[in-house]
Amino acid sequence: MNAADHHEPQRDGAATIEPMARVEDADQNLPLFPVGTKVRVLPKSGRNTPREGEVERAIYHHKDRRWNYYLRCGGKKVSKRYVALDLKRA
């Protein structure tokens, strides 16, 4: 994430220009969902079981250039690996 992502929205006359939301999770220094973040798993074409929990581990995968997330739901570890597109903040 670069320094421009942390600034206030730019003002251009009457219009407000909002900084773009980070869609990809390719910033190896900062995961979209840090450890402890409460998340909801999105059911994608039946691939994912819908569940809620919190991020237990966030590991950056250099080859894929994205973060992998491991969750804890109801006090139990979930063995499945998730990526940012599979998750939403709860």
Protein backbone atom coordinates (compact mmCIF):
# COMPACT_ATOMS: atom_id res chain seq x y z
CA MET A 1 0.00 0.00 0.00
CA ASN A 2 1.50 3.34 -0.91
CA ALA A 3 1.30 6.60 0.98
CA ALA A 4 -1.42 7.95 -1.34
CA ASP A 5 -3.83 5.29 -0.03
CA HIS A 6 -3.71 6.83 3.46
CA HIS A 7 -4.62 10.42 2.54
CA GLU A 8 -7.92 12.18 2.91
CA PRO A 9 -10.16 12.34 -0.19
CA GLN A 10 -9.00 14.93 -2.70
CA ARG A 11 -11.28 17.88 -3.31
CA ASP A 12 -11.79 18.98 -6.92
CA GLY A 13 -14.16 21.95 -6.87
CA ALA A 14 -17.60 20.61 -5.91
CA ALA A 15 -16.73 16.97 -6.64
CA THR A 16 -15.03 14.70 -4.13
CA ILE A 17 -12.58 12.16 -5.47
CA GLU A 18 -12.32 9.16 -3.14
CA PRO A 19 -9.17 7.02 -3.16
CA MET A 20 -9.74 3.64 -4.82
CA ALA A 21 -10.47 0.78 -2.47
CA ARG A 22 -7.88 -1.96 -2.52
CA VAL A 23 -9.46 -4.82 -4.45
CA GLU A 24 -6.46 -7.11 -4.67
CA ASP A 25 -4.55 -8.42 -1.71
CA ALA A 26 -1.09 -8.14 -3.27
CA ASP A 27 0.53 -5.78 -0.72
CA GLN A 28 2.95 -8.13 1.01
CA ASN A 29 3.41 -5.71 3.93
CA LEU A 30 -0.23 -5.42 4.99
CA PRO A 31 -3.01 -8.03 4.67
CA LEU A 32 -6.57 -6.86 4.00
CA PHE A 33 -7.69 -8.96 6.99
CA PRO A 34 -5.12 -8.80 9.82
CA VAL A 35 -5.00 -11.52 12.49
CA GLY A 36 -7.99 -11.20 14.83
CA THR A 37 -10.30 -9.64 12.21
CA LYS A 38 -13.84 -11.02 12.37
CA VAL A 39 -14.82 -12.26 8.91
CA ARG A 40 -17.63 -14.03 7.07
CA VAL A 41 -16.87 -16.65 4.40
CA LEU A 42 -18.74 -15.94 1.17
CA PRO A 43 -20.36 -18.98 -0.48
CA LYS A 44 -18.91 -18.97 -4.02
CA SER A 45 -20.59 -21.38 -6.41
CA GLY A 46 -20.89 -23.93 -3.63
CA ARG A 47 -17.10 -24.07 -3.12
CA ASN A 48 -17.14 -22.48 0.33
CA THR A 49 -19.15 -23.40 3.39
CA PRO A 50 -20.73 -20.20 4.73
CA ARG A 51 -19.30 -19.51 8.20
CA GLU A 52 -18.17 -16.71 10.51
CA GLY A 53 -14.99 -16.59 12.53
CA GLU A 54 -11.78 -14.68 12.94
CA VAL A 55 -8.50 -14.69 11.10
CA GLU A 56 -6.04 -16.86 13.01
CA ARG A 57 -3.14 -16.68 10.54
CA ALA A 58 -2.41 -14.51 7.49
CA ILE A 59 0.46 -15.76 5.35
CA TYR A 60 1.73 -13.98 2.23
CA HIS A 61 2.22 -16.33 -0.75
CA HIS A 62 5.04 -14.81 -2.82
CA LYS A 63 4.49 -16.87 -5.95
CA ASP A 64 0.73 -16.10 -6.09
CA ARG A 65 1.35 -12.54 -4.82
CA ARG A 66 -1.58 -12.66 -2.39
CA TRP A 67 -2.39 -13.42 1.22
CA ASN A 68 -3.74 -16.77 2.38
CA TYR A 69 -5.99 -16.69 5.43
CA TYR A 70 -6.67 -19.40 7.99
CA LEU A 71 -9.67 -19.03 10.28
CA ARG A 72 -10.89 -20.07 13.70
CA CYS A 73 -14.66 -20.59 13.92
CA GLY A 74 -16.41 -21.49 17.15
CA GLY A 75 -13.08 -22.05 18.87
CA LYS A 76 -11.93 -24.58 16.25
CA LYS A 77 -9.33 -24.16 13.52
CA VAL A 78 -10.65 -24.42 9.97
CA SER A 79 -8.20 -26.37 7.79
CA LYS A 80 -9.28 -24.70 4.54
CA ARG A 81 -7.17 -21.86 3.16
CA TYR A 82 -9.03 -18.72 2.03
CA VAL A 83 -8.05 -15.70 -0.08
CA ALA A 84 -9.40 -12.15 0.19
CA LEU A 85 -12.11 -12.74 -2.43
CA ASP A 86 -13.56 -15.50 -0.25
CA LEU A 87 -13.95 -13.24 2.80
CA LYS A 88 -15.89 -10.21 3.98
CA ARG A 89 -15.60 -8.33 7.26
CA ALA A 90 -18.31 -9.44 9.70
